Amino acid sequence: MAAELHFLVVPLIAQGHIIPMVEVARLLAARGARATVVTTPVNAARNGAAVEAARRDGLAVDLAEVAFPGPEFGVPEGLENMDQLADADPGMYLSLQRAIWAMAARVERLVRALPRRPDCLVADYCNPWTAPVCDRLGIARVVMHCPSAYFLLATHNLSKHGVYGRLALAAGDGELEPFEVPDFPVRAVVYTATFRRFFQWPGLEEEERDAVEAERTADGFVINTFRDIEGAFVDGYAAALGRRAWAIGPTFGSISHLAAKQVIELARGVEASGRPFVWTIKEAKAAAAAVREWLDGEGYEERVKDRGVLVRGWAPQVSILSHPATGGFLTHCGWNAALEAIARGVPALTWPTILDQFSSERLLVDVLGVGVRSGVTAPPMYLPAEAEGVQVTGAGVEKAVAELMDGGADGVARRARARELAATARAAVEEGGSSHADLTDMIRHLNKRQCRLDFQTTTTSIIRSSPNSLD
């Protein structure tokens, strides 16, 4: 059905966005289309193995590189991914955004040089600069959202009803003022600090306007979710924007950082819980002087060696979550991680830190009933300096783990619900499932659009070549 379609997939240069969008490219290719993922050299090197794996499976997935103009905006050479910003100057974020916007001309040159013009560009919501490129080239454009539909509809309604306009966007008392999300399928009382859109920060006003306009003029939306858990939110968002929305997940893919002292409190709480555990700690965090000194000086790994494993760097998260002995998952609530927990039937201990992670926590705990809160209430940036980044003490972690692993009625019900959702996630992506059907509908829609364009082009050519033509 999609044999004649060529998709250009342009993710934000953030690992939590690249991974699910590469998976979308794979899904499209599995339906007979060709998909080309466009990214920068550093990200191509980091994600090339996934593309090569797709090609080994006989799928037409390609990887195209465009040079990153970071140095032109004061971004160090080689810094080409959001997760590299952890230890950088906070002001570097704005510089990186400006460099990302400057990719437009390079991507356009790439497209013009292709032997055949792509039929559709699948653009990350965070790459609205692709809109004028597609307009100039006459290419259909579908926006892909990597957060949950819950987050998308909530933030849209907050903006539509002027809630954001009534509260200060700069740090202040308004940031932690509670308010209810209007016209929402479920009751949700939230804070501005925990429900911002991606560009809703001082200094990014122009980017926010571009993103809203690019979304308004898109041919449709792809959302990384499935209807069994978010059908009402998907349909509500599509209706609110008057565009088609296709829920084609779950696909999986992280930007999240804790202060060193909070990492230490987390370690103490996990140890005190008495439960067996696997703890994956990012290499950058493991190398932080305070954490390294504490781990070595306290003899932590030696004390927990009989029931705990500490992994520095990468670990096979999906394999760990799939193991029948895994009874809980402490997650920062990035939507990719939340989907992994849902799809594997593992209850979650929620620890959000930024952006849409707080809405993912609400969905997991309040709507789906498969999560337990750790006690985090706000992004770390809103903590007083004397807190030193700590929101949850070791005792708080111990208590939350005990609740998550509870063998009573609540724990049994939570685990049963998790298993039920895992079954629906598997069914959604199989033939006949909701996500499979939505992907089919998206391809059919774009095929029809391309057929109309081909007909118009052919008709115009015939008219102009006719001897009786006024030309």
Protein backbone atom coordinates (compact mmCIF):
# COMPACT_ATOMS: atom_id res chain seq x y z
CA MET A 1 0.00 0.00 0.00
CA ALA A 2 2.85 2.42 0.80
CA ALA A 3 5.23 1.20 -1.89
CA GLU A 4 5.33 4.57 -3.66
CA LEU A 5 5.77 6.70 -0.55
CA HIS A 6 9.06 8.08 0.72
CA PHE A 7 9.10 9.52 4.26
CA LEU A 8 11.73 11.88 5.61
CA VAL A 9 11.88 11.56 9.41
CA VAL A 10 13.42 14.52 11.28
CA PRO A 11 13.66 14.02 15.07
CA LEU A 12 14.79 16.54 17.64
CA ILE A 13 18.44 15.94 18.52
CA ALA A 14 17.58 14.35 21.86
CA GLN A 15 17.92 10.63 22.48
CA GLY A 16 14.41 10.31 23.92
CA HIS A 17 13.06 11.68 20.62
CA ILE A 18 15.45 10.04 18.16
CA ILE A 19 14.85 6.47 19.36
CA PRO A 20 11.04 6.44 18.98
CA MET A 21 11.23 8.29 15.66
CA VAL A 22 13.71 5.75 14.27
CA GLU A 23 11.19 3.13 15.33
CA VAL A 24 8.47 5.02 13.43
CA ALA A 25 10.71 4.94 10.35
CA ARG A 26 11.00 1.19 10.83
CA LEU A 27 7.21 0.82 11.12
CA LEU A 28 6.67 2.77 7.91
CA ALA A 29 9.27 0.71 6.07
CA ALA A 30 7.62 -2.48 7.30
CA ARG A 31 4.52 -1.34 5.38
CA GLY A 32 6.47 -1.04 2.14
CA ALA A 33 7.49 2.62 2.29
CA ARG A 34 11.00 4.05 2.23
CA ALA A 35 12.05 6.06 5.26
CA THR A 36 15.09 8.29 5.64
CA VAL A 37 16.07 9.50 9.11
CA VAL A 38 17.81 12.88 9.04
CA THR A 39 20.13 13.87 11.87
CA THR A 40 23.59 15.22 12.67
CA PRO A 41 26.90 13.30 12.52
CA VAL A 42 27.18 12.69 16.28
CA ASN A 43 23.61 11.42 16.49
CA ALA A 44 24.02 9.35 13.34
CA ALA A 45 26.97 7.60 14.98
CA ARG A 46 25.00 7.00 18.17
CA ASN A 47 21.92 5.63 16.41
CA GLY A 48 23.34 4.07 13.27
CA ALA A 49 23.16 0.56 14.73
CA ALA A 50 19.35 0.75 14.96
CA VAL A 51 19.11 1.78 11.32
CA GLU A 52 21.53 -0.95 10.26
CA ALA A 53 19.44 -3.51 12.17
CA ALA A 54 16.38 -2.42 10.21
CA ARG A 55 18.27 -2.76 6.94
CA ARG A 56 19.44 -6.25 7.90
CA ASP A 57 15.77 -7.10 8.33
CA GLY A 58 15.20 -6.09 4.72
CA LEU A 59 13.57 -2.73 5.48
CA ALA A 60 14.18 0.38 3.38
CA VAL A 61 15.42 2.64 6.18
CA ASP A 62 18.25 5.05 5.45
CA LEU A 63 20.24 7.51 7.55
CA ALA A 64 21.15 10.93 6.15
CA GLU A 65 23.52 13.34 7.88
CA VAL A 66 23.50 17.12 7.87
CA ALA A 67 26.35 19.05 9.46
CA PHE A 68 25.36 20.70 12.72
CA PRO A 69 25.96 24.49 12.79
CA GLY A 70 26.55 24.55 16.56
CA PRO A 71 29.94 26.32 16.54
CA GLU A 72 28.38 29.22 14.62
CA PHE A 73 26.22 29.86 17.69
CA GLY A 74 28.83 29.30 20.36
CA VAL A 75 28.02 25.61 20.88
CA PRO A 76 31.17 23.49 21.37
CA GLU A 77 32.17 21.20 18.52
CA GLY A 78 30.64 17.76 19.04
CA LEU A 79 27.80 18.91 21.32
CA GLU A 80 24.87 17.76 19.19
CA ASN A 81 22.44 16.13 21.61
CA MET A 82 20.27 17.52 24.42
CA ASP A 83 21.54 14.93 26.87
CA GLN A 84 25.03 16.42 26.54
CA LEU A 85 23.81 19.61 28.23
CA ALA A 86 23.77 18.15 31.76
CA ASP A 87 27.09 19.65 32.78
CA ALA A 88 27.07 22.60 30.38
CA ASP A 89 26.42 26.28 31.10
CA PRO A 90 22.61 26.74 31.43
CA GLY A 91 22.81 29.48 28.81
CA MET A 92 24.04 26.89 26.33
CA TYR A 93 20.46 25.59 25.97
CA LEU A 94 19.35 28.73 24.13
CA SER A 95 22.43 28.62 21.92
CA LEU A 96 21.70 25.00 21.07
CA GLN A 97 18.12 25.91 20.15
CA ARG A 98 19.32 28.63 17.79
CA ALA A 99 21.68 26.15 16.14
CA ILE A 100 18.87 23.61 15.73
CA TRP A 101 16.75 26.25 13.97
CA ALA A 102 19.65 26.96 11.61
CA MET A 103 19.47 23.35 10.37
CA ALA A 104 16.55 24.36 8.12
CA ALA A 105 18.69 25.50 5.18
CA ARG A 106 20.87 22.39 5.39
CA VAL A 107 17.91 20.03 5.48
CA GLU A 108 16.36 21.84 2.51
CA ARG A 109 19.58 21.46 0.50
CA LEU A 110 19.61 17.77 1.37
CA VAL A 111 16.04 17.30 0.14
CA ARG A 112 16.65 19.18 -3.09
CA ALA A 113 19.66 16.97 -3.80
CA LEU A 114 17.70 13.72 -3.43
CA PRO A 115 17.00 11.86 -6.69
CA ARG A 116 13.30 11.83 -5.78
CA ARG A 117 11.44 14.37 -3.68
CA PRO A 118 10.02 12.80 -0.48
CA ASP A 119 6.25 12.51 -0.26
CA CYS A 120 6.02 13.38 3.43
CA LEU A 121 8.23 14.79 6.16
CA VAL A 122 7.57 13.47 9.66
CA ALA A 123 8.76 16.32 11.87
CA ASP A 124 9.27 16.30 15.60
CA TYR A 125 6.99 18.88 17.23
CA CYS A 126 10.19 20.47 18.51
CA ASN A 127 11.37 21.06 14.91
CA PRO A 128 8.76 23.57 13.64
CA TRP A 129 11.42 25.08 11.37
CA THR A 130 10.63 22.23 8.99
CA ALA A 131 7.25 23.83 8.15
CA PRO A 132 8.53 26.52 5.76
CA VAL A 133 10.90 23.98 4.22
CA CYS A 134 7.97 21.71 3.37
CA ASP A 135 5.92 24.66 2.12
CA ARG A 136 8.66 25.69 -0.30
CA LEU A 137 9.14 22.14 -1.55
CA GLY A 138 5.46 21.16 -1.69
CA ILE A 139 5.87 18.22 0.71
CA ALA A 140 3.22 16.94 3.09
CA ARG A 141 4.16 17.36 6.75
CA VAL A 142 3.07 15.26 9.71
CA VAL A 143 4.02 16.37 13.23
CA MET A 144 5.16 13.69 15.65
CA HIS A 145 4.57 14.18 19.36
CA CYS A 146 6.79 12.18 21.70
CA PRO A 147 4.96 13.05 24.99
CA SER A 148 1.63 11.54 26.06
CA ALA A 149 -1.70 12.70 24.63
CA TYR A 150 -2.68 13.51 28.23
CA PHE A 151 0.08 16.14 28.31
CA LEU A 152 -0.76 17.48 24.84
CA LEU A 153 -4.45 18.02 25.56
CA ALA A 154 -3.86 19.40 29.05
CA THR A 155 -1.31 22.00 27.94
CA HIS A 156 -3.44 22.92 24.91
CA ASN A 157 -6.48 23.54 27.10
CA LEU A 158 -4.46 25.53 29.62
CA SER A 159 -3.24 27.76 26.80
CA LYS A 160 -6.64 28.02 25.09
CA HIS A 161 -8.39 29.09 28.29
CA GLY A 162 -5.72 31.67 29.14
CA VAL A 163 -4.46 29.95 32.27
CA TYR A 164 -0.83 30.43 31.29
CA GLY A 165 -1.53 34.07 30.53
CA ARG A 166 -2.82 34.62 34.05
CA LEU A 167 0.21 33.14 35.74
CA ALA A 168 3.78 34.40 35.59
CA LEU A 169 6.00 32.27 33.36
CA ALA A 170 9.14 33.48 35.10
CA ALA A 171 10.05 31.82 38.39
CA GLY A 172 7.79 33.14 41.15
CA ASP A 173 4.78 32.40 43.31
CA GLY A 174 2.55 31.80 40.29
CA GLU A 175 4.68 28.81 39.29
CA LEU A 176 3.43 26.73 42.22
CA GLU A 177 -0.16 27.97 42.31
CA PRO A 178 -2.57 25.04 41.86
CA PHE A 179 -5.25 25.17 39.18
CA GLU A 180 -7.56 22.73 37.45
CA VAL A 181 -7.19 21.84 33.77
CA PRO A 182 -10.37 23.05 32.00
CA ASP A 183 -12.44 20.93 29.58
CA PHE A 184 -10.42 17.81 30.40
CA PRO A 185 -11.68 14.19 30.30
CA VAL A 186 -10.54 13.64 33.91
CA ARG A 187 -10.04 15.98 36.84
CA ALA A 188 -6.46 17.22 37.04
CA VAL A 189 -5.15 19.87 39.46
CA VAL A 190 -1.66 20.93 38.39
CA TYR A 191 0.98 23.67 38.65
CA THR A 192 2.57 25.79 35.93
CA ALA A 193 5.97 24.54 37.09
CA THR A 194 4.99 20.97 36.25
CA PHE A 195 2.88 21.57 33.13
CA ARG A 196 4.90 23.68 30.71
CA ARG A 197 5.10 23.03 26.99
CA PHE A 198 8.54 22.42 25.50
CA PHE A 199 9.22 26.01 24.40
CA GLN A 200 7.31 27.72 27.19
CA TRP A 201 10.33 29.36 28.79
CA PRO A 202 11.67 32.92 28.85
CA GLY A 203 13.78 33.52 25.77
CA LEU A 204 11.93 30.98 23.61
CA GLU A 205 8.79 33.00 22.82
CA GLU A 206 9.47 33.01 19.07
CA GLU A 207 10.08 29.26 19.04
CA GLU A 208 6.80 28.73 20.88
CA ARG A 209 4.89 30.77 18.29
CA ASP A 210 6.57 28.86 15.46
CA ALA A 211 5.67 25.52 17.07
CA VAL A 212 2.00 26.48 17.51
CA GLU A 213 1.75 27.69 13.91
CA ALA A 214 3.55 24.64 12.50
CA GLU A 215 1.17 22.41 14.41
CA ARG A 216 -1.87 24.35 13.17
CA THR A 217 -0.86 23.94 9.50
CA ALA A 218 0.30 20.30 9.62
CA ASP A 219 -1.40 17.55 7.61
CA GLY A 220 -1.89 15.58 10.82
CA PHE A 221 -0.25 14.32 13.99
CA VAL A 222 1.45 11.11 15.01
CA ILE A 223 1.35 10.49 18.76
CA ASN A 224 3.49 7.89 20.49
CA THR A 225 0.70 6.23 22.47
CA PHE A 226 -2.15 3.78 21.97
CA ARG A 227 -5.88 4.28 22.21
CA ASP A 228 -6.56 1.71 24.91
CA ILE A 229 -4.86 3.96 27.46
CA GLU A 230 -5.31 7.42 25.91
CA GLY A 231 -8.16 7.26 23.40
CA ALA A 232 -10.12 10.12 24.99
CA PHE A 233 -7.04 12.36 25.07
CA VAL A 234 -6.04 11.53 21.46
CA ASP A 235 -9.54 12.27 20.16
CA GLY A 236 -9.83 15.39 22.31
CA TYR A 237 -6.56 16.76 20.96
CA ALA A 238 -7.49 16.01 17.34
CA ALA A 239 -10.84 17.74 17.79
CA ALA A 240 -9.27 20.74 19.53
CA LEU A 241 -6.86 21.37 16.64
CA GLY A 242 -9.14 20.22 13.82
CA ARG A 243 -6.53 17.82 12.44
CA ARG A 244 -6.18 14.07 12.04
CA ALA A 245 -4.33 12.35 14.88
CA TRP A 246 -2.84 8.87 14.59
CA ALA A 247 -1.85 6.98 17.74
CA ILE A 248 0.72 4.45 16.52
CA GLY A 249 2.59 3.48 19.71
CA PRO A 250 3.97 2.21 21.85
CA THR A 251 7.46 2.90 20.52
CA PHE A 252 10.30 3.38 22.99
CA GLY A 253 13.31 5.47 23.55
CA SER A 254 16.17 10.32 28.02
CA ILE A 255 16.84 13.58 29.49
CA SER A 256 16.75 13.51 33.29
CA HIS A 257 19.25 14.46 35.93
CA LEU A 258 19.31 14.34 39.73
CA ALA A 259 21.54 16.27 42.11
CA ALA A 260 24.36 14.23 43.63
CA LYS A 261 22.87 14.40 47.15
CA GLN A 262 19.51 13.21 45.83
CA VAL A 263 21.23 10.24 44.17
CA ILE A 264 22.79 9.37 47.53
CA GLU A 265 19.41 9.58 49.31
CA LEU A 266 17.93 7.36 46.61
CA ALA A 267 20.70 4.80 47.16
CA ARG A 268 20.10 4.80 50.91
CA GLY A 269 16.36 4.32 50.49
CA VAL A 270 16.71 1.47 48.02
CA GLU A 271 19.16 -0.25 50.38
CA ALA A 272 16.89 0.24 53.39
CA SER A 273 13.91 -1.20 51.53
CA GLY A 274 15.42 -4.68 51.84
CA ARG A 275 14.31 -5.52 48.29
CA PRO A 276 16.52 -7.04 45.56
CA PHE A 277 17.27 -4.44 42.90
CA VAL A 278 19.13 -3.49 39.74
CA TRP A 279 20.16 0.19 39.73
CA THR A 280 21.38 1.75 36.50
CA ILE A 281 23.27 4.99 37.04
CA LYS A 282 24.39 7.13 34.12
CA GLU A 283 28.14 7.31 33.62
CA ALA A 284 28.18 11.08 34.01
CA LYS A 285 26.36 10.83 37.34
CA ALA A 286 28.46 7.90 38.53
CA ALA A 287 31.54 10.02 37.82
CA ALA A 288 30.26 13.00 39.81
CA ALA A 289 32.81 13.52 42.57
CA ALA A 290 30.30 13.52 45.43
CA VAL A 291 28.58 10.33 44.26
CA ARG A 292 31.82 8.52 43.49
CA GLU A 293 33.29 9.49 46.85
CA TRP A 294 30.17 8.33 48.68
CA LEU A 295 29.93 5.02 46.82
CA ASP A 296 33.59 4.24 47.44
CA GLY A 297 33.80 5.58 50.95
CA GLU A 298 30.60 3.98 52.22
CA GLY A 299 31.28 0.56 50.73
CA TYR A 300 27.77 0.63 49.29
CA GLU A 301 28.23 -1.99 46.59
CA GLU A 302 29.86 -4.39 49.02
CA ARG A 303 26.96 -4.04 51.47
CA VAL A 304 24.27 -4.73 48.86
CA LYS A 305 26.13 -7.25 46.71
CA ASP A 306 23.92 -10.18 47.80
CA ARG A 307 20.71 -8.55 46.60
CA GLY A 308 21.64 -5.51 44.53
CA VAL A 309 23.49 -4.79 41.29
CA LEU A 310 24.72 -1.30 40.41
CA VAL A 311 25.30 -0.80 36.67
CA ARG A 312 27.32 2.23 35.59
CA GLY A 313 26.29 3.35 32.12
CA TRP A 314 23.97 1.49 29.79
CA ALA A 315 21.83 -1.49 30.80
CA PRO A 316 19.32 -3.55 28.76
CA GLN A 317 16.26 -1.87 30.28
CA VAL A 318 13.66 -3.62 28.16
CA SER A 319 15.19 -7.02 28.94
CA ILE A 320 15.22 -6.22 32.65
CA LEU A 321 11.60 -5.04 32.60
CA SER A 322 10.61 -8.17 30.67
CA HIS A 323 12.09 -10.51 33.29
CA PRO A 324 9.38 -12.21 35.37
CA ALA A 325 11.28 -11.43 38.58
CA THR A 326 10.96 -7.67 38.03
CA GLY A 327 8.21 -6.38 40.31
CA GLY A 328 8.64 -2.62 40.04
CA PHE A 329 10.37 0.11 38.05
CA LEU A 330 11.61 3.42 39.47
CA THR A 331 11.29 5.78 36.52
CA HIS A 332 11.81 9.48 35.81
CA CYS A 333 8.53 9.27 33.85
CA GLY A 334 9.87 10.23 30.45
CA TRP A 335 7.07 9.05 28.18
CA ASN A 336 9.27 6.44 26.51
CA ALA A 337 10.12 4.89 29.88
CA ALA A 338 6.48 5.06 30.97
CA LEU A 339 5.43 3.21 27.82
CA GLU A 340 8.10 0.58 28.43
CA ALA A 341 6.72 -0.04 31.92
CA ILE A 342 3.16 -0.22 30.60
CA ALA A 343 4.07 -2.53 27.73
CA ARG A 344 5.98 -4.90 30.03
CA GLY A 345 3.31 -4.96 32.73
CA VAL A 346 5.54 -3.54 35.47
CA PRO A 347 4.14 -1.12 38.10
CA ALA A 348 6.07 2.15 38.34
CA LEU A 349 7.54 4.18 41.18
CA THR A 350 7.38 7.68 39.69
CA TRP A 351 10.18 10.25 39.99
CA PRO A 352 9.54 13.08 37.48
CA THR A 353 12.00 15.94 37.08
CA ILE A 354 11.08 18.09 34.04
CA LEU A 355 8.52 18.98 31.36
CA ASP A 356 5.93 16.32 30.49
CA GLN A 357 7.27 13.86 33.08
CA PHE A 358 4.87 15.23 35.70
CA SER A 359 1.87 14.62 33.42
CA SER A 360 3.12 11.08 32.76
CA GLU A 361 3.18 10.55 36.53
CA ARG A 362 -0.45 11.69 36.83
CA LEU A 363 -1.48 9.39 34.00
CA LEU A 364 0.31 6.37 35.51
CA VAL A 365 -0.93 6.97 39.07
CA ASP A 366 -4.30 8.72 38.82
CA VAL A 367 -5.73 7.48 35.51
CA LEU A 368 -4.20 4.08 34.78
CA GLY A 369 -3.65 2.97 38.37
CA VAL A 370 -0.23 1.37 37.80
CA GLY A 371 2.02 3.84 39.61
CA VAL A 372 3.07 4.98 43.07
CA ARG A 373 4.44 8.48 43.73
CA SER A 374 7.93 8.84 45.17
CA GLY A 375 7.12 12.21 46.72
CA VAL A 376 8.68 14.54 44.14
CA THR A 377 6.45 17.61 43.76
CA ALA A 378 8.35 20.09 41.55
CA PRO A 379 11.28 20.34 39.13
CA PRO A 380 14.65 20.59 40.96
CA MET A 381 15.12 24.20 39.77
CA TYR A 382 12.34 25.31 42.12
CA LEU A 383 13.95 23.90 45.25
CA PRO A 384 15.57 26.31 47.71
CA ALA A 385 19.37 26.31 47.61
CA GLU A 386 19.61 24.82 51.09
CA ALA A 387 17.80 21.68 49.89
CA GLU A 388 20.83 20.85 47.70
CA GLY A 389 18.58 19.14 45.17
CA VAL A 390 16.95 16.77 47.68
CA GLN A 391 13.17 16.35 47.63
CA VAL A 392 12.87 12.77 48.85
CA THR A 393 14.94 11.45 51.75
CA GLY A 394 16.21 7.91 52.06
CA ALA A 395 13.32 7.19 54.45
CA GLY A 396 10.87 8.53 51.87
CA VAL A 397 12.33 6.27 49.20
CA GLU A 398 12.10 3.28 51.54
CA LYS A 399 8.43 4.03 52.23
CA ALA A 400 7.60 4.47 48.52
CA VAL A 401 9.31 1.17 47.58
CA ALA A 402 7.34 -0.61 50.31
CA GLU A 403 4.09 0.78 48.92
CA LEU A 404 5.02 -0.18 45.34
CA MET A 405 5.89 -3.75 46.33
CA ASP A 406 2.93 -4.06 48.71
CA GLY A 407 1.52 -7.58 48.85
CA GLY A 408 -1.89 -6.40 50.07
CA ALA A 409 -5.07 -5.70 48.11
CA ASP A 410 -3.81 -2.42 46.61
CA GLY A 411 -0.57 -3.96 45.40
CA VAL A 412 -2.33 -7.01 43.95
CA ALA A 413 -4.81 -4.77 42.09
CA ARG A 414 -2.02 -2.56 40.76
CA ARG A 415 -0.05 -5.53 39.42
CA ALA A 416 -3.17 -7.05 37.85
CA ARG A 417 -3.94 -3.74 36.14
CA ALA A 418 -0.34 -3.55 34.88
CA ARG A 419 -0.62 -7.02 33.35
CA GLU A 420 -3.93 -6.05 31.72
CA LEU A 421 -2.42 -2.94 30.13
CA ALA A 422 0.56 -4.94 28.87
CA ALA A 423 -1.84 -7.22 27.02
CA THR A 424 -3.62 -4.25 25.44
CA ALA A 425 -0.27 -2.72 24.40
CA ARG A 426 0.71 -5.92 22.59
CA ALA A 427 -2.69 -6.14 20.92
CA ALA A 428 -2.55 -2.49 19.80
CA VAL A 429 0.47 -2.98 17.52
CA GLU A 430 -0.63 -6.31 16.05
CA GLU A 431 -2.68 -6.55 12.88
CA GLY A 432 -6.23 -5.54 13.75
CA GLY A 433 -5.08 -3.51 16.75
CA SER A 434 -5.75 0.21 17.20
CA SER A 435 -2.18 1.41 16.54
CA HIS A 436 -1.84 -0.86 13.51
CA ALA A 437 -5.12 0.54 12.18
CA ASP A 438 -4.08 4.15 12.80
CA LEU A 439 -0.81 3.66 10.95
CA THR A 440 -2.73 2.10 8.05
CA ASP A 441 -5.08 5.08 8.00
CA MET A 442 -2.18 7.56 8.00
CA ILE A 443 -0.49 5.84 5.05
CA ARG A 444 -3.80 5.67 3.17
CA HIS A 445 -4.43 9.36 3.81
CA LEU A 446 -0.99 10.35 2.53
CA ASN A 447 -1.31 8.04 -0.48
CA LYS A 448 -4.57 9.75 -1.44
CA ARG A 449 -2.95 13.14 -1.06
CA GLN A 450 -0.04 12.11 -3.27
CA CYS A 451 -2.39 10.68 -5.89
CA ARG A 452 -4.25 14.01 -6.05
CA LEU A 453 -0.98 15.90 -6.46
CA ASP A 454 0.21 13.51 -9.18
CA PHE A 455 -3.11 13.94 -11.01
CA GLN A 456 -2.91 17.72 -10.81
CA THR A 457 0.68 17.71 -12.07
CA THR A 458 -0.14 15.36 -14.95
CA THR A 459 -3.23 17.38 -15.94
CA THR A 460 -1.28 20.64 -15.91
CA SER A 461 1.44 19.06 -18.04
CA ILE A 462 -1.10 17.79 -20.62
CA ILE A 463 -2.81 21.18 -20.85
CA ARG A 464 0.47 22.99 -21.37
CA SER A 465 1.68 20.55 -24.01
CA SER A 466 -1.56 20.66 -26.02
CA PRO A 467 -1.31 22.33 -29.47
CA ASN A 468 -4.45 24.30 -28.63
CA SER A 469 -3.02 25.54 -25.37
CA LEU A 470 -2.99 29.30 -24.90
CA ASP A 471 0.65 28.94 -23.94
